[in-house]
Amino acid sequence: MATTEPANLKSDLDELFLLARKGEISKSSKANLERYAAVLCSTEARLRMRDPEFLQIGETVRTLLIVRMSEEANKEGTRISTIALWIAIAALVCSLVQAASSLWPLMFKA
């Protein structure tokens, strides 16, 4: 992970507080939420800790980050389930072909 310069930390912190005040923080991507979480843990954020919104913003970032991680895990689970379904369908088709091929001689036995 790339390090962030102190000037960038301050601008990221200002951006975070602005997004929180506008109510648009929920639209942030996982990468941005991770960056905001790192910014909230920085020494630059200590100056804002007395701000009454600080704890709420920190909790919101944490919660949204958990949601984004859960969404990613759900997407991965859905993808794996789809692959498993196609494998099961292929196995069923193979079983039907095998059953038909073993019953074929019995059907035409004189």
C-alpha atoms as a PDB file:
ATOM      1  CA  MET A   1       0.000   0.000   0.000  1.00  0.00           C
ATOM      2  CA  ALA A   2       1.353   3.405  -0.923  1.00  0.00           C
ATOM      3  CA  THR A   3       2.132   5.878   1.800  1.00  0.00           C
ATOM      4  CA  THR A   4       0.200   9.102   1.933  1.00  0.00           C
ATOM      5  CA  GLU A   5       1.844  12.482   2.392  1.00  0.00           C
ATOM      6  CA  PRO A   6       0.631  14.677   5.297  1.00  0.00           C
ATOM      7  CA  ALA A   7      -0.817  17.233   2.862  1.00  0.00           C
ATOM      8  CA  ASN A   8      -2.824  14.464   1.228  1.00  0.00           C
ATOM      9  CA  LEU A   9      -3.969  13.224   4.630  1.00  0.00           C
ATOM     10  CA  LYS A  10      -5.427  16.630   5.434  1.00  0.00           C
ATOM     11  CA  SER A  11      -7.162  16.905   2.063  1.00  0.00           C
ATOM     12  CA  ASP A  12      -8.473  13.325   2.396  1.00  0.00           C
ATOM     13  CA  LEU A  13      -9.755  14.146   5.872  1.00  0.00           C
ATOM     14  CA  ASP A  14     -11.446  17.294   4.585  1.00  0.00           C
ATOM     15  CA  GLU A  15     -12.954  15.296   1.711  1.00  0.00           C
ATOM     16  CA  LEU A  16     -14.237  12.666   4.152  1.00  0.00           C
ATOM     17  CA  PHE A  17     -15.906  15.224   6.408  1.00  0.00           C
ATOM     18  CA  LEU A  18     -17.443  16.967   3.384  1.00  0.00           C
ATOM     19  CA  LEU A  19     -18.835  13.686   2.049  1.00  0.00           C
ATOM     20  CA  ALA A  20     -20.203  12.844   5.490  1.00  0.00           C
ATOM     21  CA  ARG A  21     -21.935  16.206   5.809  1.00  0.00           C
ATOM     22  CA  LYS A  22     -23.451  15.842   2.336  1.00  0.00           C
ATOM     23  CA  GLY A  23     -24.571  12.294   3.115  1.00  0.00           C
ATOM     24  CA  GLU A  24     -22.695  10.913   0.122  1.00  0.00           C
ATOM     25  CA  ILE A  25     -20.203   8.785   2.010  1.00  0.00           C
ATOM     26  CA  SER A  26     -22.354   5.703   1.382  1.00  0.00           C
ATOM     27  CA  LYS A  27     -21.515   5.967  -2.342  1.00  0.00           C
ATOM     28  CA  SER A  28     -17.781   5.566  -1.687  1.00  0.00           C
ATOM     29  CA  SER A  29     -15.929   2.593  -3.092  1.00  0.00           C
ATOM     30  CA  LYS A  30     -14.164   0.030  -0.937  1.00  0.00           C
ATOM     31  CA  ALA A  31     -10.767   1.489  -1.881  1.00  0.00           C
ATOM     32  CA  ASN A  32     -11.851   4.974  -0.814  1.00  0.00           C
ATOM     33  CA  LEU A  33     -13.327   3.654   2.434  1.00  0.00           C
ATOM     34  CA  GLU A  34     -10.034   1.883   3.182  1.00  0.00           C
ATOM     35  CA  ARG A  35      -8.203   5.144   2.511  1.00  0.00           C
ATOM     36  CA  TYR A  36     -10.612   7.045   4.777  1.00  0.00           C
ATOM     37  CA  ALA A  37     -10.142   4.461   7.547  1.00  0.00           C
ATOM     38  CA  ALA A  38      -6.376   4.931   7.299  1.00  0.00           C
ATOM     39  CA  VAL A  39      -6.806   8.702   7.362  1.00  0.00           C
ATOM     40  CA  LEU A  40      -8.956   8.488  10.494  1.00  0.00           C
ATOM     41  CA  CYS A  41      -6.138   6.577  12.207  1.00  0.00           C
ATOM     42  CA  SER A  42      -3.467   9.083  11.226  1.00  0.00           C
ATOM     43  CA  THR A  43      -1.921  11.707  13.467  1.00  0.00           C
ATOM     44  CA  GLU A  44      -3.504  14.389  11.274  1.00  0.00           C
ATOM     45  CA  ALA A  45      -6.919  13.200  12.460  1.00  0.00           C
ATOM     46  CA  ARG A  46      -6.086  13.883  16.102  1.00  0.00           C
ATOM     47  CA  LEU A  47      -6.843  17.531  15.544  1.00  0.00           C
ATOM     48  CA  ARG A  48     -10.390  16.614  14.566  1.00  0.00           C
ATOM     49  CA  MET A  49     -11.064  14.102  17.354  1.00  0.00           C
ATOM     50  CA  ARG A  50     -12.901  16.732  19.385  1.00  0.00           C
ATOM     51  CA  ASP A  51     -15.297  17.316  16.519  1.00  0.00           C
ATOM     52  CA  PRO A  52     -18.647  15.772  17.540  1.00  0.00           C
ATOM     53  CA  GLU A  53     -18.967  14.176  14.090  1.00  0.00           C
ATOM     54  CA  PHE A  54     -15.623  12.380  14.318  1.00  0.00           C
ATOM     55  CA  LEU A  55     -16.886   9.267  16.122  1.00  0.00           C
ATOM     56  CA  GLN A  56     -19.967   9.035  13.938  1.00  0.00           C
ATOM     57  CA  ILE A  57     -17.918   9.364  10.759  1.00  0.00           C
ATOM     58  CA  GLY A  58     -15.452   6.750  11.998  1.00  0.00           C
ATOM     59  CA  GLU A  59     -18.273   4.349  12.815  1.00  0.00           C
ATOM     60  CA  THR A  60     -19.919   5.008   9.452  1.00  0.00           C
ATOM     61  CA  VAL A  61     -16.680   4.338   7.572  1.00  0.00           C
ATOM     62  CA  ARG A  62     -16.155   1.131   9.546  1.00  0.00           C
ATOM     63  CA  THR A  63     -19.716  -0.066   8.915  1.00  0.00           C
ATOM     64  CA  LEU A  64     -19.616   0.775   5.208  1.00  0.00           C
ATOM     65  CA  LEU A  65     -16.272  -0.988   4.856  1.00  0.00           C
ATOM     66  CA  ILE A  66     -17.771  -4.111   6.435  1.00  0.00           C
ATOM     67  CA  VAL A  67     -20.714  -3.873   4.024  1.00  0.00           C
ATOM     68  CA  ARG A  68     -18.408  -3.563   0.998  1.00  0.00           C
ATOM     69  CA  MET A  69     -16.351  -6.546   2.167  1.00  0.00           C
ATOM     70  CA  SER A  70     -19.536  -8.553   2.678  1.00  0.00           C
ATOM     71  CA  GLU A  71     -20.737  -7.613  -0.817  1.00  0.00           C
ATOM     72  CA  GLU A  72     -17.434  -8.815  -2.289  1.00  0.00           C
ATOM     73  CA  ALA A  73     -17.667 -12.100  -0.388  1.00  0.00           C
ATOM     74  CA  ASN A  74     -21.252 -12.540  -1.563  1.00  0.00           C
ATOM     75  CA  LYS A  75     -20.260 -11.950  -5.197  1.00  0.00           C
ATOM     76  CA  GLU A  76     -17.501 -14.539  -4.880  1.00  0.00           C
ATOM     77  CA  GLY A  77     -19.906 -17.017  -3.273  1.00  0.00           C
ATOM     78  CA  THR A  78     -22.443 -16.477  -6.035  1.00  0.00           C
ATOM     79  CA  ARG A  79     -19.778 -17.032  -8.692  1.00  0.00           C
ATOM     80  CA  ILE A  80     -18.614 -20.251  -7.039  1.00  0.00           C
ATOM     81  CA  SER A  81     -22.224 -21.462  -6.689  1.00  0.00           C
ATOM     82  CA  THR A  82     -22.810 -20.833 -10.387  1.00  0.00           C
ATOM     83  CA  ILE A  83     -19.727 -22.878 -11.282  1.00  0.00           C
ATOM     84  CA  ALA A  84     -20.876 -25.681  -8.981  1.00  0.00           C
ATOM     85  CA  LEU A  85     -24.316 -25.643 -10.601  1.00  0.00           C
ATOM     86  CA  TRP A  86     -22.837 -26.014 -14.090  1.00  0.00           C
ATOM     87  CA  ILE A  87     -20.630 -28.884 -12.898  1.00  0.00           C
ATOM     88  CA  ALA A  88     -23.689 -30.601 -11.400  1.00  0.00           C
ATOM     89  CA  ILE A  89     -25.623 -30.163 -14.663  1.00  0.00           C
ATOM     90  CA  ALA A  90     -22.711 -31.640 -16.629  1.00  0.00           C
ATOM     91  CA  ALA A  91     -22.565 -34.599 -14.218  1.00  0.00           C
ATOM     92  CA  LEU A  92     -26.312 -35.156 -14.611  1.00  0.00           C
ATOM     93  CA  VAL A  93     -26.044 -35.131 -18.404  1.00  0.00           C
ATOM     94  CA  CYS A  94     -23.143 -37.608 -18.251  1.00  0.00           C
ATOM     95  CA  SER A  95     -25.160 -39.863 -15.937  1.00  0.00           C
ATOM     96  CA  LEU A  96     -28.141 -39.784 -18.294  1.00  0.00           C
ATOM     97  CA  VAL A  97     -25.939 -40.636 -21.266  1.00  0.00           C
ATOM     98  CA  GLN A  98     -24.344 -43.479 -19.326  1.00  0.00           C
ATOM     99  CA  ALA A  99     -27.745 -44.824 -18.235  1.00  0.00           C
ATOM    100  CA  ALA A 100     -29.091 -44.618 -21.787  1.00  0.00           C
ATOM    101  CA  SER A 101     -26.037 -46.380 -23.214  1.00  0.00           C
ATOM    102  CA  SER A 102     -26.311 -49.229 -20.707  1.00  0.00           C
ATOM    103  CA  LEU A 103     -30.067 -49.665 -21.267  1.00  0.00           C
ATOM    104  CA  TRP A 104     -29.878 -49.404 -25.067  1.00  0.00           C
ATOM    105  CA  PRO A 105     -28.860 -53.038 -25.682  1.00  0.00           C
ATOM    106  CA  LEU A 106     -31.585 -54.320 -23.330  1.00  0.00           C
ATOM    107  CA  MET A 107     -34.308 -52.426 -25.203  1.00  0.00           C
ATOM    108  CA  PHE A 108     -33.505 -54.083 -28.560  1.00  0.00           C
ATOM    109  CA  LYS A 109     -32.696 -57.581 -27.302  1.00  0.00           C
ATOM    110  CA  ALA A 110     -34.739 -60.101 -29.150  1.00  0.00           C
END
